């Protein structure tokens, strides 16, 4: 998108996961991440990170996989705009309402796969919990609000196509790009420095991680202590990224993908005060740290 344009997408709404072991998720999401249990039922768990009814939705399945990356739409007018854009882009979306949309914790949803095969949920009017306040069992307060739930990082099989989809169809702004040993695009739709990071997967697609941000460094540190004590496998040690300034570490989830657990991310005010940059020179994703453990994927 050229010039300043407010994206129809407000931010990351939720993540849906299918899992072969709901019991592991019940323990991990609450005791390690600090989420609060939401409304659940047979074969289905939901977890809260703020006033929203469900930020993480885990359902029983035959394999561990990402079932839906949820993006919140900025109201009904933008909803119709996105519906038209998807049709023009040749994307066949399944439209959900009523009980079907309730499964993704929203009044309405459009569900489809993006050009690299990642399942997306565009949601209108996501459900909130107006009476019971969010209280984390670990004392965590997550940075959400106008920055959304966090960010996702994707290794994409069709890199150019998915970058075009996020920028030209969904209206994300590119804030950083890399074309060195790896190709990557960091883009956002709100004040979070990036809501999505897209890496060239060289013909394969993989959901890499969900980033969660807390508002106190001690909360992040205590989560790291829990991981070091064996609550979850540590994949990448403590460090600070240069682009969003996030101080964070990475752990593995029961479904195999990673969680980046961080503090202190850069906020970009609106109108956009961030000029797109192209990383060059020595390069590298971090100012310091973020050293991969022997368990980490090879691309770290």
C-alpha atoms as a PDB file:
ATOM      1  CA  UNK A   1       0.000   0.000   0.000  1.00  0.00           C
ATOM      2  CA  UNK A   2       1.396   3.404  -0.965  1.00  0.00           C
ATOM      3  CA  UNK A   3       0.851   6.371   1.338  1.00  0.00           C
ATOM      4  CA  UNK A   4      -0.870   6.196   4.708  1.00  0.00           C
ATOM      5  CA  UNK A   5      -3.859   3.886   4.703  1.00  0.00           C
ATOM      6  CA  UNK A   6      -5.580   2.404   7.721  1.00  0.00           C
ATOM      7  CA  UNK A   7      -5.791  -1.337   7.229  1.00  0.00           C
ATOM      8  CA  UNK A   8      -9.206  -3.020   7.427  1.00  0.00           C
ATOM      9  CA  UNK A   9      -7.516  -5.364   9.918  1.00  0.00           C
ATOM     10  CA  UNK A  10      -7.275  -4.164  13.530  1.00  0.00           C
ATOM     11  CA  UNK A  11      -4.872  -6.826  14.752  1.00  0.00           C
ATOM     12  CA  UNK A  12      -4.355 -10.452  15.667  1.00  0.00           C
ATOM     13  CA  UNK A  13      -7.589 -11.671  17.274  1.00  0.00           C
ATOM     14  CA  UNK A  14      -6.843 -15.260  18.252  1.00  0.00           C
ATOM     15  CA  UNK A  15      -5.011 -18.456  17.446  1.00  0.00           C
ATOM     16  CA  UNK A  16      -6.827 -21.757  16.945  1.00  0.00           C
ATOM     17  CA  UNK A  17      -4.921 -25.002  17.475  1.00  0.00           C
ATOM     18  CA  UNK A  18      -5.871 -28.632  16.979  1.00  0.00           C
ATOM     19  CA  UNK A  19      -4.124 -30.929  19.439  1.00  0.00           C
ATOM     20  CA  UNK A  20      -3.777 -34.602  20.229  1.00  0.00           C
ATOM     21  CA  UNK A  21      -3.380 -33.820  23.953  1.00  0.00           C
ATOM     22  CA  UNK A  22      -5.759 -31.306  25.511  1.00  0.00           C
ATOM     23  CA  UNK A  23      -4.520 -32.102  29.020  1.00  0.00           C
ATOM     24  CA  UNK A  24      -1.045 -30.811  28.171  1.00  0.00           C
ATOM     25  CA  UNK A  25      -2.508 -27.583  26.819  1.00  0.00           C
ATOM     26  CA  UNK A  26      -4.679 -27.118  29.882  1.00  0.00           C
ATOM     27  CA  UNK A  27      -1.580 -27.160  32.086  1.00  0.00           C
ATOM     28  CA  UNK A  28       0.764 -25.326  29.714  1.00  0.00           C
ATOM     29  CA  UNK A  29      -1.491 -22.382  28.790  1.00  0.00           C
ATOM     30  CA  UNK A  30      -2.358 -21.628  32.415  1.00  0.00           C
ATOM     31  CA  UNK A  31       0.747 -22.515  34.429  1.00  0.00           C
ATOM     32  CA  UNK A  32       3.450 -21.583  31.905  1.00  0.00           C
ATOM     33  CA  UNK A  33       1.955 -18.814  29.765  1.00  0.00           C
ATOM     34  CA  UNK A  34      -0.254 -17.305  32.451  1.00  0.00           C
ATOM     35  CA  UNK A  35      -3.555 -17.419  30.567  1.00  0.00           C
ATOM     36  CA  UNK A  36      -6.851 -17.817  32.412  1.00  0.00           C
ATOM     37  CA  UNK A  37      -9.226 -20.649  31.463  1.00  0.00           C
ATOM     38  CA  UNK A  38     -12.246 -19.570  29.431  1.00  0.00           C
ATOM     39  CA  UNK A  39     -15.452 -21.410  28.606  1.00  0.00           C
ATOM     40  CA  UNK A  40     -14.704 -24.965  27.522  1.00  0.00           C
ATOM     41  CA  UNK A  41     -16.592 -28.094  26.566  1.00  0.00           C
ATOM     42  CA  UNK A  42     -16.044 -31.637  25.308  1.00  0.00           C
ATOM     43  CA  UNK A  43     -12.986 -31.648  23.062  1.00  0.00           C
ATOM     44  CA  UNK A  44     -12.550 -27.883  23.284  1.00  0.00           C
ATOM     45  CA  UNK A  45     -10.548 -25.510  25.515  1.00  0.00           C
ATOM     46  CA  UNK A  46     -10.423 -21.721  25.421  1.00  0.00           C
ATOM     47  CA  UNK A  47      -8.016 -19.395  27.200  1.00  0.00           C
ATOM     48  CA  UNK A  48      -8.116 -15.695  27.989  1.00  0.00           C
ATOM     49  CA  UNK A  49      -5.304 -13.127  27.990  1.00  0.00           C
ATOM     50  CA  UNK A  50      -7.440 -10.007  28.507  1.00  0.00           C
ATOM     51  CA  UNK A  51     -11.093  -8.960  28.344  1.00  0.00           C
ATOM     52  CA  UNK A  52     -11.680 -11.061  25.229  1.00  0.00           C
ATOM     53  CA  UNK A  53     -13.570 -14.314  25.733  1.00  0.00           C
ATOM     54  CA  UNK A  54     -11.025 -16.463  23.861  1.00  0.00           C
ATOM     55  CA  UNK A  55      -7.559 -15.556  22.610  1.00  0.00           C
ATOM     56  CA  UNK A  56      -6.349 -19.164  22.353  1.00  0.00           C
ATOM     57  CA  UNK A  57      -8.742 -21.900  21.212  1.00  0.00           C
ATOM     58  CA  UNK A  58      -7.574 -25.520  21.384  1.00  0.00           C
ATOM     59  CA  UNK A  59      -9.698 -28.354  20.029  1.00  0.00           C
ATOM     60  CA  UNK A  60      -9.111 -32.086  19.988  1.00  0.00           C
ATOM     61  CA  UNK A  61      -7.785 -33.435  16.696  1.00  0.00           C
ATOM     62  CA  UNK A  62      -5.995 -36.332  15.071  1.00  0.00           C
ATOM     63  CA  UNK A  63      -2.787 -34.291  14.710  1.00  0.00           C
ATOM     64  CA  UNK A  64      -1.127 -31.203  16.125  1.00  0.00           C
ATOM     65  CA  UNK A  65      -1.661 -28.292  13.751  1.00  0.00           C
ATOM     66  CA  UNK A  66      -2.653 -24.647  13.433  1.00  0.00           C
ATOM     67  CA  UNK A  67      -6.387 -24.574  12.669  1.00  0.00           C
ATOM     68  CA  UNK A  68      -6.845 -20.813  12.279  1.00  0.00           C
ATOM     69  CA  UNK A  69      -4.932 -17.534  12.554  1.00  0.00           C
ATOM     70  CA  UNK A  70      -7.579 -15.011  13.560  1.00  0.00           C
ATOM     71  CA  UNK A  71      -7.477 -11.397  12.326  1.00  0.00           C
ATOM     72  CA  UNK A  72      -9.986  -8.867  13.667  1.00  0.00           C
ATOM     73  CA  UNK A  73     -11.752  -6.621  11.122  1.00  0.00           C
ATOM     74  CA  UNK A  74     -12.382  -2.930  11.916  1.00  0.00           C
ATOM     75  CA  UNK A  75     -16.182  -2.894  11.783  1.00  0.00           C
ATOM     76  CA  UNK A  76     -18.915  -3.747   9.323  1.00  0.00           C
ATOM     77  CA  UNK A  77     -17.961  -1.264   6.592  1.00  0.00           C
ATOM     78  CA  UNK A  78     -14.432  -2.651   6.391  1.00  0.00           C
ATOM     79  CA  UNK A  79     -15.885  -6.162   6.556  1.00  0.00           C
ATOM     80  CA  UNK A  80     -17.756  -5.566   3.310  1.00  0.00           C
ATOM     81  CA  UNK A  81     -14.636  -4.017   1.802  1.00  0.00           C
ATOM     82  CA  UNK A  82     -12.618  -7.126   2.654  1.00  0.00           C
ATOM     83  CA  UNK A  83     -15.328  -9.435   1.335  1.00  0.00           C
ATOM     84  CA  UNK A  84     -15.076  -7.641  -2.020  1.00  0.00           C
ATOM     85  CA  UNK A  85     -11.275  -7.719  -1.986  1.00  0.00           C
ATOM     86  CA  UNK A  86     -11.203 -11.455  -1.340  1.00  0.00           C
ATOM     87  CA  UNK A  87     -13.623 -12.090  -4.196  1.00  0.00           C
ATOM     88  CA  UNK A  88     -11.516  -9.980  -6.578  1.00  0.00           C
ATOM     89  CA  UNK A  89      -8.410 -11.878  -5.468  1.00  0.00           C
ATOM     90  CA  UNK A  90     -10.121 -15.172  -6.316  1.00  0.00           C
ATOM     91  CA  UNK A  91     -10.223 -16.364  -2.713  1.00  0.00           C
ATOM     92  CA  UNK A  92     -13.184 -18.561  -1.823  1.00  0.00           C
ATOM     93  CA  UNK A  93     -13.997 -17.919   1.835  1.00  0.00           C
ATOM     94  CA  UNK A  94     -16.396 -19.885   4.026  1.00  0.00           C
ATOM     95  CA  UNK A  95     -18.766 -17.439   5.730  1.00  0.00           C
ATOM     96  CA  UNK A  96     -19.726 -18.295   9.304  1.00  0.00           C
ATOM     97  CA  UNK A  97     -22.398 -16.830  11.559  1.00  0.00           C
ATOM     98  CA  UNK A  98     -24.427 -17.954  14.559  1.00  0.00           C
ATOM     99  CA  UNK A  99     -23.232 -21.124  16.281  1.00  0.00           C
ATOM    100  CA  UNK A 100     -20.593 -21.747  13.613  1.00  0.00           C
ATOM    101  CA  UNK A 101     -19.002 -18.327  14.192  1.00  0.00           C
ATOM    102  CA  UNK A 102     -19.216 -18.896  17.945  1.00  0.00           C
ATOM    103  CA  UNK A 103     -16.583 -21.607  17.495  1.00  0.00           C
ATOM    104  CA  UNK A 104     -14.118 -18.867  16.551  1.00  0.00           C
ATOM    105  CA  UNK A 105     -15.454 -16.579  19.314  1.00  0.00           C
ATOM    106  CA  UNK A 106     -17.012 -13.942  17.052  1.00  0.00           C
ATOM    107  CA  UNK A 107     -20.334 -12.796  15.602  1.00  0.00           C
ATOM    108  CA  UNK A 108     -19.197 -13.495  12.025  1.00  0.00           C
ATOM    109  CA  UNK A 109     -16.164 -15.000  10.334  1.00  0.00           C
ATOM    110  CA  UNK A 110     -14.689 -15.568   6.901  1.00  0.00           C
ATOM    111  CA  UNK A 111     -12.401 -18.622   6.852  1.00  0.00           C
ATOM    112  CA  UNK A 112      -9.989 -19.533   4.036  1.00  0.00           C
ATOM    113  CA  UNK A 113      -6.377 -20.406   3.320  1.00  0.00           C
ATOM    114  CA  UNK A 114      -3.824 -17.811   2.228  1.00  0.00           C
ATOM    115  CA  UNK A 115      -1.476 -18.254  -0.778  1.00  0.00           C
ATOM    116  CA  UNK A 116       0.947 -20.369   1.261  1.00  0.00           C
ATOM    117  CA  UNK A 117      -1.738 -22.599   2.770  1.00  0.00           C
ATOM    118  CA  UNK A 118      -2.071 -21.045   6.228  1.00  0.00           C
ATOM    119  CA  UNK A 119      -5.657 -21.152   7.553  1.00  0.00           C
ATOM    120  CA  UNK A 120      -7.039 -17.690   8.326  1.00  0.00           C
ATOM    121  CA  UNK A 121     -10.116 -16.520  10.220  1.00  0.00           C
ATOM    122  CA  UNK A 122     -11.228 -12.954   9.524  1.00  0.00           C
ATOM    123  CA  UNK A 123     -13.582 -12.122  12.394  1.00  0.00           C
ATOM    124  CA  UNK A 124     -16.148  -9.397  12.928  1.00  0.00           C
ATOM    125  CA  UNK A 125     -17.222  -8.420  16.455  1.00  0.00           C
ATOM    126  CA  UNK A 126     -15.100 -10.835  18.521  1.00  0.00           C
ATOM    127  CA  UNK A 127     -16.636 -11.863  21.828  1.00  0.00           C
ATOM    128  CA  UNK A 128     -15.660 -10.124  25.048  1.00  0.00           C
ATOM    129  CA  UNK A 129     -16.246 -11.096  28.680  1.00  0.00           C
ATOM    130  CA  UNK A 130     -17.825  -7.988  30.269  1.00  0.00           C
ATOM    131  CA  UNK A 131     -18.404  -9.309  33.782  1.00  0.00           C
ATOM    132  CA  UNK A 132     -15.535 -11.570  34.845  1.00  0.00           C
ATOM    133  CA  UNK A 133     -12.215  -9.695  34.761  1.00  0.00           C
ATOM    134  CA  UNK A 134      -9.136 -11.404  33.400  1.00  0.00           C
ATOM    135  CA  UNK A 135      -6.919 -12.578  36.246  1.00  0.00           C
ATOM    136  CA  UNK A 136      -3.721 -14.410  35.357  1.00  0.00           C
ATOM    137  CA  UNK A 137      -2.675 -17.222  37.704  1.00  0.00           C
ATOM    138  CA  UNK A 138       0.967 -16.109  37.236  1.00  0.00           C
ATOM    139  CA  UNK A 139       0.333 -12.374  37.641  1.00  0.00           C
ATOM    140  CA  UNK A 140       0.778 -11.642  33.936  1.00  0.00           C
ATOM    141  CA  UNK A 141      -0.744  -8.647  32.193  1.00  0.00           C
ATOM    142  CA  UNK A 142      -0.537  -9.035  28.436  1.00  0.00           C
ATOM    143  CA  UNK A 143      -0.013  -6.105  26.065  1.00  0.00           C
ATOM    144  CA  UNK A 144      -3.023  -6.301  23.727  1.00  0.00           C
ATOM    145  CA  UNK A 145      -5.613  -3.534  23.133  1.00  0.00           C
ATOM    146  CA  UNK A 146      -4.974  -1.609  19.927  1.00  0.00           C
ATOM    147  CA  UNK A 147      -1.889  -3.762  19.266  1.00  0.00           C
ATOM    148  CA  UNK A 148      -3.869  -6.986  19.034  1.00  0.00           C
ATOM    149  CA  UNK A 149      -3.095 -10.323  20.665  1.00  0.00           C
ATOM    150  CA  UNK A 150       0.556 -10.338  19.529  1.00  0.00           C
ATOM    151  CA  UNK A 151       2.323 -11.269  16.303  1.00  0.00           C
ATOM    152  CA  UNK A 152       2.780 -14.400  14.223  1.00  0.00           C
ATOM    153  CA  UNK A 153       5.808 -15.511  12.223  1.00  0.00           C
ATOM    154  CA  UNK A 154       5.299 -17.647   9.132  1.00  0.00           C
ATOM    155  CA  UNK A 155       7.719 -19.551   6.893  1.00  0.00           C
ATOM    156  CA  UNK A 156       5.936 -19.321   3.572  1.00  0.00           C
ATOM    157  CA  UNK A 157       6.163 -21.579   0.529  1.00  0.00           C
ATOM    158  CA  UNK A 158       4.909 -18.840  -1.821  1.00  0.00           C
ATOM    159  CA  UNK A 159       6.758 -15.871  -0.392  1.00  0.00           C
ATOM    160  CA  UNK A 160       6.028 -13.179  -2.983  1.00  0.00           C
ATOM    161  CA  UNK A 161       2.371 -14.153  -3.211  1.00  0.00           C
ATOM    162  CA  UNK A 162       1.740 -14.090   0.534  1.00  0.00           C
ATOM    163  CA  UNK A 163       3.534 -10.741   0.952  1.00  0.00           C
ATOM    164  CA  UNK A 164       1.309  -9.339  -1.803  1.00  0.00           C
ATOM    165  CA  UNK A 165      -1.758 -10.828  -0.085  1.00  0.00           C
ATOM    166  CA  UNK A 166      -1.006  -9.264   3.299  1.00  0.00           C
ATOM    167  CA  UNK A 167      -0.089  -5.867   1.880  1.00  0.00           C
ATOM    168  CA  UNK A 168      -2.463  -5.430  -1.060  1.00  0.00           C
ATOM    169  CA  UNK A 169      -5.504  -7.451   0.038  1.00  0.00           C
ATOM    170  CA  UNK A 170      -5.431  -7.110   3.833  1.00  0.00           C
ATOM    171  CA  UNK A 171      -3.771  -3.689   3.742  1.00  0.00           C
ATOM    172  CA  UNK A 172      -0.799  -4.264   6.048  1.00  0.00           C
ATOM    173  CA  UNK A 173       2.108  -1.764   6.006  1.00  0.00           C
ATOM    174  CA  UNK A 174       5.628  -3.072   5.372  1.00  0.00           C
ATOM    175  CA  UNK A 175       7.931  -1.811   8.112  1.00  0.00           C
ATOM    176  CA  UNK A 176      11.066  -3.822   7.440  1.00  0.00           C
ATOM    177  CA  UNK A 177      12.411  -6.170   4.798  1.00  0.00           C
ATOM    178  CA  UNK A 178      15.472  -8.400   4.642  1.00  0.00           C
ATOM    179  CA  UNK A 179      17.120  -9.825   1.541  1.00  0.00           C
ATOM    180  CA  UNK A 180      20.368 -11.343   2.818  1.00  0.00           C
ATOM    181  CA  UNK A 181      20.891 -14.984   3.761  1.00  0.00           C
ATOM    182  CA  UNK A 182      17.121 -15.042   4.243  1.00  0.00           C
ATOM    183  CA  UNK A 183      14.262 -13.100   2.684  1.00  0.00           C
ATOM    184  CA  UNK A 184      11.752 -11.680   5.136  1.00  0.00           C
ATOM    185  CA  UNK A 185       9.037  -9.044   5.387  1.00  0.00           C
ATOM    186  CA  UNK A 186       7.776  -7.532   8.635  1.00  0.00           C
ATOM    187  CA  UNK A 187       4.386  -5.839   8.335  1.00  0.00           C
ATOM    188  CA  UNK A 188       1.710  -4.397  10.585  1.00  0.00           C
ATOM    189  CA  UNK A 189      -1.840  -3.103  10.666  1.00  0.00           C
ATOM    190  CA  UNK A 190      -1.645  -1.286  14.012  1.00  0.00           C
ATOM    191  CA  UNK A 191       0.876   0.290  16.434  1.00  0.00           C
ATOM    192  CA  UNK A 192       2.663  -3.022  17.066  1.00  0.00           C
ATOM    193  CA  UNK A 193       5.930  -2.813  15.120  1.00  0.00           C
ATOM    194  CA  UNK A 194       5.002  -5.975  13.253  1.00  0.00           C
ATOM    195  CA  UNK A 195       1.844  -8.046  13.517  1.00  0.00           C
ATOM    196  CA  UNK A 196       3.132 -10.575  10.998  1.00  0.00           C
ATOM    197  CA  UNK A 197       6.626 -11.647   9.970  1.00  0.00           C
ATOM    198  CA  UNK A 198       6.863 -13.567   6.707  1.00  0.00           C
ATOM    199  CA  UNK A 199      10.016 -15.535   5.878  1.00  0.00           C
ATOM    200  CA  UNK A 200      10.806 -17.250   2.598  1.00  0.00           C
ATOM    201  CA  UNK A 201      10.300 -20.957   3.302  1.00  0.00           C
ATOM    202  CA  UNK A 202      11.981 -22.049   0.055  1.00  0.00           C
ATOM    203  CA  UNK A 203       9.015 -24.101  -1.064  1.00  0.00           C
ATOM    204  CA  UNK A 204       7.703 -25.219   2.332  1.00  0.00           C
ATOM    205  CA  UNK A 205       5.243 -23.634   4.751  1.00  0.00           C
ATOM    206  CA  UNK A 206       5.536 -23.761   8.523  1.00  0.00           C
ATOM    207  CA  UNK A 207       3.907 -21.805  11.330  1.00  0.00           C
ATOM    208  CA  UNK A 208       6.927 -20.763  13.362  1.00  0.00           C
ATOM    209  CA  UNK A 209       5.746 -18.822  16.388  1.00  0.00           C
ATOM    210  CA  UNK A 210       3.203 -16.712  18.200  1.00  0.00           C
ATOM    211  CA  UNK A 211       4.630 -13.743  20.112  1.00  0.00           C
ATOM    212  CA  UNK A 212       3.070 -12.787  23.442  1.00  0.00           C
ATOM    213  CA  UNK A 213       4.078  -9.549  25.185  1.00  0.00           C
ATOM    214  CA  UNK A 214       3.731  -8.858  28.919  1.00  0.00           C
ATOM    215  CA  UNK A 215       3.984  -5.453  30.549  1.00  0.00           C
ATOM    216  CA  UNK A 216       6.646  -6.232  33.201  1.00  0.00           C
ATOM    217  CA  UNK A 217      10.112  -7.640  32.667  1.00  0.00           C
ATOM    218  CA  UNK A 218       9.885  -9.572  35.931  1.00  0.00           C
ATOM    219  CA  UNK A 219       6.808 -11.424  34.673  1.00  0.00           C
ATOM    220  CA  UNK A 220       8.771 -12.415  31.577  1.00  0.00           C
ATOM    221  CA  UNK A 221      11.737 -13.415  33.761  1.00  0.00           C
ATOM    222  CA  UNK A 222       9.625 -15.616  35.982  1.00  0.00           C
ATOM    223  CA  UNK A 223       8.192 -17.311  32.879  1.00  0.00           C
ATOM    224  CA  UNK A 224      11.767 -17.959  31.742  1.00  0.00           C
ATOM    225  CA  UNK A 225      12.530 -19.442  35.167  1.00  0.00           C
ATOM    226  CA  UNK A 226       9.590 -21.816  34.806  1.00  0.00           C
ATOM    227  CA  UNK A 227      10.874 -22.934  31.420  1.00  0.00           C
ATOM    228  CA  UNK A 228      14.430 -23.377  32.714  1.00  0.00           C
ATOM    229  CA  UNK A 229      12.965 -25.473  35.536  1.00  0.00           C
ATOM    230  CA  UNK A 230      11.507 -27.832  32.927  1.00  0.00           C
ATOM    231  CA  UNK A 231       7.964 -26.564  32.342  1.00  0.00           C
ATOM    232  CA  UNK A 232       8.576 -26.392  28.561  1.00  0.00           C
ATOM    233  CA  UNK A 233      11.547 -26.889  26.229  1.00  0.00           C
ATOM    234  CA  UNK A 234      13.671 -23.737  25.813  1.00  0.00           C
ATOM    235  CA  UNK A 235      14.357 -23.233  22.107  1.00  0.00           C
ATOM    236  CA  UNK A 236      16.025 -19.790  21.952  1.00  0.00           C
ATOM    237  CA  UNK A 237      17.628 -18.013  24.880  1.00  0.00           C
ATOM    238  CA  UNK A 238      17.044 -14.490  26.142  1.00  0.00           C
ATOM    239  CA  UNK A 239      17.848 -11.669  23.736  1.00  0.00           C
ATOM    240  CA  UNK A 240      16.641  -8.398  22.218  1.00  0.00           C
ATOM    241  CA  UNK A 241      15.476  -7.923  18.635  1.00  0.00           C
ATOM    242  CA  UNK A 242      16.721  -4.854  16.831  1.00  0.00           C
ATOM    243  CA  UNK A 243      13.546  -4.020  14.924  1.00  0.00           C
ATOM    244  CA  UNK A 244      10.802  -4.148  17.576  1.00  0.00           C
ATOM    245  CA  UNK A 245      13.187  -3.914  20.579  1.00  0.00           C
ATOM    246  CA  UNK A 246      11.470  -6.899  22.192  1.00  0.00           C
ATOM    247  CA  UNK A 247      13.393  -8.581  25.012  1.00  0.00           C
ATOM    248  CA  UNK A 248      12.280 -12.184  24.782  1.00  0.00           C
ATOM    249  CA  UNK A 249      12.944 -15.902  24.719  1.00  0.00           C
ATOM    250  CA  UNK A 250      11.339 -18.759  22.787  1.00  0.00           C
ATOM    251  CA  UNK A 251       9.785 -21.955  24.119  1.00  0.00           C
ATOM    252  CA  UNK A 252       8.099 -24.928  22.495  1.00  0.00           C
ATOM    253  CA  UNK A 253       4.375 -25.546  22.858  1.00  0.00           C
ATOM    254  CA  UNK A 254       2.698 -28.965  23.245  1.00  0.00           C
ATOM    255  CA  UNK A 255       1.810 -28.741  19.524  1.00  0.00           C
ATOM    256  CA  UNK A 256       5.425 -28.198  18.447  1.00  0.00           C
ATOM    257  CA  UNK A 257       5.323 -24.585  17.279  1.00  0.00           C
ATOM    258  CA  UNK A 258       7.044 -21.890  19.343  1.00  0.00           C
ATOM    259  CA  UNK A 259       5.945 -19.107  21.661  1.00  0.00           C
ATOM    260  CA  UNK A 260       8.066 -15.968  21.815  1.00  0.00           C
ATOM    261  CA  UNK A 261       7.490 -14.565  25.309  1.00  0.00           C
ATOM    262  CA  UNK A 262       8.591 -10.960  25.530  1.00  0.00           C
ATOM    263  CA  UNK A 263       8.620  -7.542  27.144  1.00  0.00           C
ATOM    264  CA  UNK A 264       9.250  -3.974  26.001  1.00  0.00           C
ATOM    265  CA  UNK A 265       8.218  -4.035  22.349  1.00  0.00           C
ATOM    266  CA  UNK A 266       8.417  -0.892  20.237  1.00  0.00           C
ATOM    267  CA  UNK A 267       5.137   0.935  19.636  1.00  0.00           C
ATOM    268  CA  UNK A 268       4.672   2.802  16.336  1.00  0.00           C
ATOM    269  CA  UNK A 269       2.211   5.659  16.678  1.00  0.00           C
ATOM    270  CA  UNK A 270      -0.442   6.503  14.109  1.00  0.00           C
ATOM    271  CA  UNK A 271      -0.130   8.273  11.730  1.00  0.00           C
ATOM    272  CA  UNK A 272       2.774   6.064  10.771  1.00  0.00           C
ATOM    273  CA  UNK A 273       6.081   7.402  12.087  1.00  0.00           C
ATOM    274  CA  UNK A 274       8.038   4.368  10.874  1.00  0.00           C
ATOM    275  CA  UNK A 275       9.792   4.613   7.538  1.00  0.00           C
ATOM    276  CA  UNK A 276      10.248   1.254   5.836  1.00  0.00           C
ATOM    277  CA  UNK A 277      13.814   0.002   6.190  1.00  0.00           C
ATOM    278  CA  UNK A 278      15.848  -2.577   4.288  1.00  0.00           C
ATOM    279  CA  UNK A 279      18.300  -4.487   6.443  1.00  0.00           C
ATOM    280  CA  UNK A 280      21.833  -4.662   5.019  1.00  0.00           C
ATOM    281  CA  UNK A 281      25.433  -4.815   6.266  1.00  0.00           C
ATOM    282  CA  UNK A 282      26.159  -7.510   8.828  1.00  0.00           C
ATOM    283  CA  UNK A 283      22.454  -8.079   9.385  1.00  0.00           C
ATOM    284  CA  UNK A 284      21.026 -10.310  12.083  1.00  0.00           C
ATOM    285  CA  UNK A 285      17.702 -10.333  13.888  1.00  0.00           C
ATOM    286  CA  UNK A 286      18.901  -9.365  17.367  1.00  0.00           C
ATOM    287  CA  UNK A 287      21.032  -6.725  19.068  1.00  0.00           C
ATOM    288  CA  UNK A 288      22.218  -9.355  21.506  1.00  0.00           C
ATOM    289  CA  UNK A 289      21.360 -12.837  22.692  1.00  0.00           C
ATOM    290  CA  UNK A 290      18.634 -15.027  21.200  1.00  0.00           C
ATOM    291  CA  UNK A 291      21.096 -17.885  20.944  1.00  0.00           C
ATOM    292  CA  UNK A 292      19.366 -21.074  19.775  1.00  0.00           C
ATOM    293  CA  UNK A 293      19.575 -24.203  21.875  1.00  0.00           C
ATOM    294  CA  UNK A 294      20.302 -27.571  20.306  1.00  0.00           C
ATOM    295  CA  UNK A 295      16.523 -28.130  20.150  1.00  0.00           C
ATOM    296  CA  UNK A 296      15.842 -25.091  17.963  1.00  0.00           C
ATOM    297  CA  UNK A 297      14.985 -25.399  14.263  1.00  0.00           C
ATOM    298  CA  UNK A 298      18.035 -25.108  12.017  1.00  0.00           C
ATOM    299  CA  UNK A 299      17.037 -21.714  10.623  1.00  0.00           C
ATOM    300  CA  UNK A 300      17.502 -20.075  14.041  1.00  0.00           C
END
